[in-house]
Amino acid sequence: MKTGYELVEDSDFEEAKKMGYFVRAYQGNITIYPPGKITGFSTDHIAIDEKRVFREANRFQIVDTPKTSKK
């Protein structure tokens, strides 16, 4: 899986969870929840960092690892 890959099937979500990929949930061009790791999924939702997002209403995509800020 590469950055930009859209997750659709259960097998996509399972692999992304297993490999620890960062995923964003979005509608159109609007990110619904900040990118995070998949912590669970079912037929009706995807949990990103324990936050449930409705599967049917959103799209899910692999994104780059968030940059860490240095102060």
N, C-alpha and C. Protein backbone atom coordinates (compact mmCIF):
# COMPACT_ATOMS: atom_id res chain seq x y z
N MET A 1 0.85 -1.18 0.00
CA MET A 1 0.00 0.00 0.00
C MET A 1 0.89 1.24 0.00
N LYS A 2 0.50 2.20 -0.80
CA LYS A 2 1.25 3.44 -0.91
C LYS A 2 0.37 4.62 -0.50
N THR A 3 1.01 5.74 -0.23
CA THR A 3 0.28 6.97 0.08
C THR A 3 -0.71 7.25 -1.04
N GLY A 4 -1.95 7.55 -0.67
CA GLY A 4 -2.99 7.83 -1.64
C GLY A 4 -3.89 6.64 -1.92
N TYR A 5 -3.47 5.44 -1.50
CA TYR A 5 -4.28 4.24 -1.73
C TYR A 5 -5.58 4.36 -0.96
N GLU A 6 -6.69 4.14 -1.64
CA GLU A 6 -8.00 4.21 -0.99
C GLU A 6 -8.41 2.84 -0.47
N LEU A 7 -8.78 2.80 0.80
CA LEU A 7 -9.20 1.56 1.45
C LEU A 7 -10.69 1.35 1.19
N VAL A 8 -11.04 0.16 0.71
CA VAL A 8 -12.44 -0.13 0.41
C VAL A 8 -12.88 -1.45 1.04
N GLU A 9 -12.14 -2.49 0.78
CA GLU A 9 -12.50 -3.84 1.23
C GLU A 9 -12.01 -4.09 2.66
N ASP A 10 -12.63 -5.07 3.33
CA ASP A 10 -12.19 -5.45 4.67
C ASP A 10 -10.72 -5.81 4.68
N SER A 11 -10.25 -6.47 3.64
CA SER A 11 -8.84 -6.87 3.57
C SER A 11 -7.92 -5.65 3.55
N ASP A 12 -8.36 -4.55 2.93
CA ASP A 12 -7.57 -3.32 2.91
C ASP A 12 -7.42 -2.77 4.33
N PHE A 13 -8.55 -2.72 5.06
CA PHE A 13 -8.52 -2.20 6.43
C PHE A 13 -7.69 -3.10 7.34
N GLU A 14 -7.81 -4.40 7.15
CA GLU A 14 -7.04 -5.35 7.96
C GLU A 14 -5.54 -5.16 7.74
N GLU A 15 -5.12 -5.02 6.48
CA GLU A 15 -3.70 -4.84 6.19
C GLU A 15 -3.19 -3.51 6.74
N ALA A 16 -3.98 -2.45 6.55
CA ALA A 16 -3.58 -1.13 7.06
C ALA A 16 -3.43 -1.16 8.58
N LYS A 17 -4.35 -1.85 9.24
CA LYS A 17 -4.27 -1.97 10.71
C LYS A 17 -3.04 -2.76 11.11
N LYS A 18 -2.83 -3.90 10.47
CA LYS A 18 -1.71 -4.78 10.80
C LYS A 18 -0.35 -4.10 10.58
N MET A 19 -0.25 -3.33 9.49
CA MET A 19 1.01 -2.69 9.13
C MET A 19 1.21 -1.33 9.82
N GLY A 20 0.18 -0.84 10.50
CA GLY A 20 0.29 0.42 11.23
C GLY A 20 0.32 1.66 10.35
N TYR A 21 -0.33 1.58 9.18
CA TYR A 21 -0.39 2.73 8.28
C TYR A 21 -1.26 3.82 8.87
N PHE A 22 -0.93 5.06 8.55
CA PHE A 22 -1.77 6.18 8.94
C PHE A 22 -2.84 6.35 7.88
N VAL A 23 -4.08 6.57 8.36
CA VAL A 23 -5.25 6.65 7.49
C VAL A 23 -6.01 7.93 7.82
N ARG A 24 -6.56 8.55 6.78
CA ARG A 24 -7.44 9.70 7.02
C ARG A 24 -8.83 9.35 6.53
N ALA A 25 -9.83 9.88 7.23
CA ALA A 25 -11.23 9.74 6.83
C ALA A 25 -11.63 11.07 6.23
N TYR A 26 -12.26 11.03 5.07
CA TYR A 26 -12.64 12.28 4.41
C TYR A 26 -13.93 12.15 3.61
N GLN A 27 -14.52 13.32 3.36
CA GLN A 27 -15.70 13.45 2.49
C GLN A 27 -15.36 14.55 1.50
N GLY A 28 -15.28 14.20 0.23
CA GLY A 28 -14.84 15.18 -0.76
C GLY A 28 -13.41 15.56 -0.48
N ASN A 29 -13.16 16.86 -0.26
CA ASN A 29 -11.81 17.34 0.08
C ASN A 29 -11.67 17.66 1.56
N ILE A 30 -12.67 17.34 2.35
CA ILE A 30 -12.67 17.69 3.76
C ILE A 30 -12.27 16.48 4.61
N THR A 31 -11.22 16.65 5.40
CA THR A 31 -10.80 15.60 6.32
C THR A 31 -11.73 15.63 7.52
N ILE A 32 -12.36 14.50 7.82
CA ILE A 32 -13.33 14.41 8.90
C ILE A 32 -12.65 14.27 10.26
N TYR A 33 -11.53 13.57 10.28
CA TYR A 33 -10.81 13.32 11.53
C TYR A 33 -9.33 13.29 11.19
N PRO A 34 -8.47 13.86 12.04
CA PRO A 34 -7.04 13.86 11.73
C PRO A 34 -6.51 12.44 11.46
N PRO A 35 -5.52 12.32 10.59
CA PRO A 35 -4.97 11.00 10.29
C PRO A 35 -4.49 10.28 11.54
N GLY A 36 -4.72 8.98 11.55
CA GLY A 36 -4.28 8.16 12.67
C GLY A 36 -4.26 6.71 12.25
N LYS A 37 -3.98 5.85 13.18
CA LYS A 37 -3.91 4.41 12.90
C LYS A 37 -5.27 3.75 13.16
N ILE A 38 -5.58 2.77 12.35
CA ILE A 38 -6.82 2.02 12.53
C ILE A 38 -6.69 1.16 13.78
N THR A 39 -7.67 1.31 14.68
CA THR A 39 -7.66 0.52 15.91
C THR A 39 -8.78 -0.52 15.91
N GLY A 40 -9.67 -0.46 14.92
CA GLY A 40 -10.73 -1.44 14.80
C GLY A 40 -11.63 -1.10 13.63
N PHE A 41 -12.39 -2.10 13.19
CA PHE A 41 -13.35 -1.85 12.11
C PHE A 41 -14.43 -2.91 12.13
N SER A 42 -15.57 -2.54 11.55
CA SER A 42 -16.68 -3.47 11.41
C SER A 42 -17.38 -3.14 10.09
N THR A 43 -18.54 -3.73 9.88
CA THR A 43 -19.26 -3.47 8.64
C THR A 43 -19.82 -2.05 8.58
N ASP A 44 -19.97 -1.37 9.74
CA ASP A 44 -20.56 -0.04 9.72
C ASP A 44 -19.63 1.10 10.16
N HIS A 45 -18.47 0.79 10.71
CA HIS A 45 -17.58 1.87 11.14
C HIS A 45 -16.11 1.46 11.02
N ILE A 46 -15.26 2.49 11.06
CA ILE A 46 -13.81 2.32 11.14
C ILE A 46 -13.38 3.12 12.36
N ALA A 47 -12.57 2.54 13.22
CA ALA A 47 -12.07 3.28 14.38
C ALA A 47 -10.64 3.72 14.08
N ILE A 48 -10.42 5.02 14.12
CA ILE A 48 -9.09 5.61 13.93
C ILE A 48 -8.70 6.21 15.26
N ASP A 49 -7.64 5.66 15.86
CA ASP A 49 -7.22 6.08 17.20
C ASP A 49 -8.40 6.07 18.18
N GLU A 50 -9.17 4.98 18.13
CA GLU A 50 -10.33 4.73 19.00
C GLU A 50 -11.55 5.61 18.69
N LYS A 51 -11.47 6.52 17.71
CA LYS A 51 -12.60 7.37 17.33
C LYS A 51 -13.34 6.69 16.20
N ARG A 52 -14.62 6.37 16.39
CA ARG A 52 -15.42 5.69 15.36
C ARG A 52 -15.89 6.67 14.29
N VAL A 53 -15.72 6.25 13.04
CA VAL A 53 -16.14 7.05 11.89
C VAL A 53 -17.00 6.14 11.03
N PHE A 54 -18.16 6.62 10.62
CA PHE A 54 -19.05 5.79 9.82
C PHE A 54 -18.42 5.42 8.49
N ARG A 55 -18.44 4.15 8.20
CA ARG A 55 -17.81 3.61 7.00
C ARG A 55 -18.55 4.04 5.73
N GLU A 56 -19.86 4.01 5.76
CA GLU A 56 -20.66 4.30 4.57
C GLU A 56 -20.60 5.78 4.17
N ALA A 57 -20.48 6.67 5.15
CA ALA A 57 -20.52 8.11 4.87
C ALA A 57 -19.17 8.71 4.49
N ASN A 58 -18.10 7.98 4.69
CA ASN A 58 -16.76 8.52 4.49
C ASN A 58 -15.93 7.66 3.56
N ARG A 59 -14.80 8.22 3.14
CA ARG A 59 -13.81 7.47 2.36
C ARG A 59 -12.54 7.45 3.19
N PHE A 60 -11.70 6.46 2.96
CA PHE A 60 -10.51 6.28 3.77
C PHE A 60 -9.30 6.10 2.87
N GLN A 61 -8.20 6.77 3.25
CA GLN A 61 -7.03 6.80 2.40
C GLN A 61 -5.76 6.71 3.23
N ILE A 62 -4.76 5.99 2.69
CA ILE A 62 -3.44 5.92 3.33
C ILE A 62 -2.76 7.27 3.15
N VAL A 63 -2.16 7.79 4.22
CA VAL A 63 -1.43 9.06 4.16
C VAL A 63 -0.03 8.87 4.74
N ASP A 64 0.83 9.84 4.49
CA ASP A 64 2.18 9.81 5.05
C ASP A 64 2.12 9.92 6.56
N THR A 65 3.16 9.45 7.19
CA THR A 65 3.29 9.58 8.64
C THR A 65 3.33 11.06 8.99
N PRO A 66 2.55 11.49 9.98
CA PRO A 66 2.56 12.91 10.35
C PRO A 66 3.97 13.34 10.77
N LYS A 67 4.34 14.56 10.37
CA LYS A 67 5.64 15.08 10.73
C LYS A 67 5.61 15.48 12.20
N THR A 68 6.70 15.20 12.90
CA THR A 68 6.77 15.59 14.30
C THR A 68 7.32 17.01 14.36
N SER A 69 6.78 17.78 15.26
CA SER A 69 7.25 19.16 15.39
C SER A 69 8.42 19.22 16.35
N LYS A 70 9.39 20.02 16.00
CA LYS A 70 10.57 20.22 16.87
C LYS A 70 10.53 21.63 17.37
N LYS A 71 10.61 21.78 18.69
CA LYS A 71 10.56 23.13 19.29
C LYS A 71 11.91 23.54 19.77
